[in-house]
Amino acid sequence: MTYRPDLRPWAVFRRVSAVDNICVARFRTRPDADAYMSILRRLTPGANFQVVFDKLPQQVTQG
């Protein structure tokens, strides 16, 4: 693991099912993550998004 992913601990996750979550994007600050989540909620009203502080970064799915 490199140091760079540790610089973005705030993550926006999309809840796909009861057990699956997809990391959509990562940010350095909570306000940036909240702003991005509000945009996602406006663009995809049926989806469920959540901002979390994720110490163990995962691969971000683009798309």
N, C-alpha and C. Protein backbone atom coordinates (compact mmCIF):
# COMPACT_ATOMS: atom_id res chain seq x y z
N MET A 1 0.84 -1.17 0.00
CA MET A 1 0.00 0.00 0.00
C MET A 1 0.89 1.24 0.00
N THR A 2 0.50 2.21 -0.78
CA THR A 2 1.26 3.45 -0.83
C THR A 2 0.66 4.47 0.14
N TYR A 3 1.37 5.54 0.32
CA TYR A 3 0.95 6.59 1.25
C TYR A 3 -0.19 7.44 0.69
N ARG A 4 -0.25 7.58 -0.61
CA ARG A 4 -1.22 8.48 -1.24
C ARG A 4 -2.68 8.20 -0.89
N PRO A 5 -3.18 6.96 -0.90
CA PRO A 5 -4.59 6.73 -0.54
C PRO A 5 -4.91 7.15 0.89
N ASP A 6 -3.92 7.18 1.76
CA ASP A 6 -4.16 7.60 3.14
C ASP A 6 -4.50 9.08 3.24
N LEU A 7 -4.21 9.85 2.21
CA LEU A 7 -4.48 11.28 2.22
C LEU A 7 -5.95 11.59 1.99
N ARG A 8 -6.74 10.61 1.61
CA ARG A 8 -8.16 10.82 1.33
C ARG A 8 -9.00 9.84 2.16
N PRO A 9 -9.17 10.11 3.45
CA PRO A 9 -9.87 9.15 4.31
C PRO A 9 -11.39 9.22 4.22
N TRP A 10 -11.95 10.32 3.70
CA TRP A 10 -13.40 10.44 3.61
C TRP A 10 -13.87 9.83 2.30
N ALA A 11 -14.81 8.91 2.39
CA ALA A 11 -15.28 8.19 1.21
C ALA A 11 -16.79 8.28 1.08
N VAL A 12 -17.26 8.32 -0.17
CA VAL A 12 -18.68 8.25 -0.47
C VAL A 12 -18.95 6.84 -0.97
N PHE A 13 -19.82 6.14 -0.27
CA PHE A 13 -20.18 4.78 -0.64
C PHE A 13 -21.61 4.75 -1.15
N ARG A 14 -21.83 3.91 -2.16
CA ARG A 14 -23.18 3.65 -2.66
C ARG A 14 -23.61 2.28 -2.15
N ARG A 15 -24.73 2.24 -1.49
CA ARG A 15 -25.24 0.98 -0.97
C ARG A 15 -25.99 0.26 -2.09
N VAL A 16 -25.47 -0.91 -2.49
CA VAL A 16 -26.05 -1.67 -3.57
C VAL A 16 -27.06 -2.67 -3.03
N SER A 17 -26.70 -3.37 -1.98
CA SER A 17 -27.60 -4.33 -1.34
C SER A 17 -27.31 -4.31 0.16
N ALA A 18 -27.92 -5.23 0.88
CA ALA A 18 -27.74 -5.26 2.34
C ALA A 18 -26.30 -5.57 2.73
N VAL A 19 -25.56 -6.24 1.86
CA VAL A 19 -24.18 -6.61 2.17
C VAL A 19 -23.14 -5.96 1.27
N ASP A 20 -23.53 -5.37 0.17
CA ASP A 20 -22.58 -4.80 -0.78
C ASP A 20 -22.62 -3.27 -0.77
N ASN A 21 -21.44 -2.69 -0.70
CA ASN A 21 -21.26 -1.24 -0.83
C ASN A 21 -20.16 -0.99 -1.84
N ILE A 22 -20.31 0.08 -2.62
CA ILE A 22 -19.31 0.44 -3.62
C ILE A 22 -18.75 1.80 -3.25
N CYS A 23 -17.43 1.89 -3.17
CA CYS A 23 -16.78 3.17 -2.93
C CYS A 23 -16.79 3.96 -4.24
N VAL A 24 -17.50 5.07 -4.23
CA VAL A 24 -17.66 5.87 -5.45
C VAL A 24 -16.53 6.89 -5.59
N ALA A 25 -16.16 7.54 -4.49
CA ALA A 25 -15.12 8.57 -4.55
C ALA A 25 -14.51 8.77 -3.16
N ARG A 26 -13.30 9.34 -3.13
CA ARG A 26 -12.60 9.61 -1.87
C ARG A 26 -12.20 11.08 -1.84
N PHE A 27 -12.18 11.67 -0.63
CA PHE A 27 -11.89 13.09 -0.47
C PHE A 27 -11.02 13.32 0.75
N ARG A 28 -10.37 14.48 0.76
CA ARG A 28 -9.53 14.84 1.91
C ARG A 28 -10.35 15.41 3.06
N THR A 29 -11.45 16.08 2.74
CA THR A 29 -12.25 16.72 3.79
C THR A 29 -13.69 16.24 3.75
N ARG A 30 -14.33 16.28 4.90
CA ARG A 30 -15.74 15.86 5.00
C ARG A 30 -16.66 16.78 4.20
N PRO A 31 -16.48 18.11 4.25
CA PRO A 31 -17.37 18.97 3.45
C PRO A 31 -17.31 18.67 1.95
N ASP A 32 -16.14 18.33 1.43
CA ASP A 32 -16.04 17.96 0.01
C ASP A 32 -16.83 16.69 -0.27
N ALA A 33 -16.73 15.71 0.62
CA ALA A 33 -17.46 14.46 0.45
C ALA A 33 -18.97 14.70 0.54
N ASP A 34 -19.40 15.53 1.48
CA ASP A 34 -20.83 15.83 1.62
C ASP A 34 -21.37 16.55 0.39
N ALA A 35 -20.60 17.48 -0.16
CA ALA A 35 -21.03 18.20 -1.35
C ALA A 35 -21.16 17.26 -2.54
N TYR A 36 -20.21 16.36 -2.70
CA TYR A 36 -20.26 15.40 -3.81
C TYR A 36 -21.45 14.46 -3.64
N MET A 37 -21.72 14.04 -2.39
CA MET A 37 -22.84 13.15 -2.14
C MET A 37 -24.16 13.85 -2.47
N SER A 38 -24.28 15.13 -2.17
CA SER A 38 -25.52 15.83 -2.50
C SER A 38 -25.73 15.93 -4.01
N ILE A 39 -24.65 16.08 -4.75
CA ILE A 39 -24.76 16.08 -6.22
C ILE A 39 -25.19 14.70 -6.72
N LEU A 40 -24.59 13.65 -6.17
CA LEU A 40 -24.97 12.30 -6.57
C LEU A 40 -26.43 12.01 -6.26
N ARG A 41 -26.91 12.48 -5.13
CA ARG A 41 -28.32 12.26 -4.75
C ARG A 41 -29.27 12.97 -5.71
N ARG A 42 -28.87 14.14 -6.21
CA ARG A 42 -29.71 14.85 -7.17
C ARG A 42 -29.70 14.16 -8.53
N LEU A 43 -28.55 13.60 -8.91
CA LEU A 43 -28.44 12.95 -10.22
C LEU A 43 -29.05 11.56 -10.25
N THR A 44 -28.99 10.85 -9.13
CA THR A 44 -29.56 9.50 -9.04
C THR A 44 -30.44 9.41 -7.79
N PRO A 45 -31.68 9.89 -7.90
CA PRO A 45 -32.53 9.98 -6.71
C PRO A 45 -32.89 8.63 -6.08
N GLY A 46 -32.85 7.54 -6.82
CA GLY A 46 -33.22 6.25 -6.26
C GLY A 46 -32.09 5.55 -5.51
N ALA A 47 -30.88 6.07 -5.62
CA ALA A 47 -29.72 5.41 -5.01
C ALA A 47 -29.52 5.89 -3.58
N ASN A 48 -28.84 5.06 -2.80
CA ASN A 48 -28.56 5.37 -1.40
C ASN A 48 -27.06 5.58 -1.24
N PHE A 49 -26.66 6.79 -0.84
CA PHE A 49 -25.25 7.13 -0.66
C PHE A 49 -24.99 7.49 0.80
N GLN A 50 -23.74 7.26 1.22
CA GLN A 50 -23.36 7.58 2.59
C GLN A 50 -21.90 8.00 2.63
N VAL A 51 -21.60 9.01 3.45
CA VAL A 51 -20.23 9.47 3.65
C VAL A 51 -19.69 8.79 4.90
N VAL A 52 -18.50 8.20 4.78
CA VAL A 52 -17.88 7.52 5.92
C VAL A 52 -16.41 7.89 5.99
N PHE A 53 -15.86 7.81 7.20
CA PHE A 53 -14.43 7.96 7.41
C PHE A 53 -13.84 6.57 7.32
N ASP A 54 -13.09 6.30 6.27
CA ASP A 54 -12.59 4.96 5.98
C ASP A 54 -11.08 4.94 6.13
N LYS A 55 -10.60 4.35 7.22
CA LYS A 55 -9.15 4.29 7.45
C LYS A 55 -8.45 3.30 6.53
N LEU A 56 -9.16 2.27 6.09
CA LEU A 56 -8.59 1.26 5.21
C LEU A 56 -9.13 1.46 3.80
N PRO A 57 -8.43 2.23 2.98
CA PRO A 57 -8.95 2.54 1.65
C PRO A 57 -9.05 1.31 0.76
N GLN A 58 -10.08 1.35 -0.09
CA GLN A 58 -10.30 0.31 -1.08
C GLN A 58 -10.20 0.93 -2.46
N GLN A 59 -10.23 0.09 -3.46
CA GLN A 59 -10.20 0.56 -4.83
C GLN A 59 -11.48 1.33 -5.14
N VAL A 60 -11.37 2.50 -5.74
CA VAL A 60 -12.52 3.31 -6.10
C VAL A 60 -13.01 2.88 -7.47
N THR A 61 -14.33 2.65 -7.59
CA THR A 61 -14.93 2.27 -8.85
C THR A 61 -15.34 3.54 -9.59
N GLN A 62 -14.78 3.74 -10.77
CA GLN A 62 -15.12 4.91 -11.58
C GLN A 62 -16.24 4.54 -12.53
N GLY A 63 -17.18 5.47 -12.71
CA GLY A 63 -18.20 5.22 -13.71
C GLY A 63 -19.54 5.49 -13.31
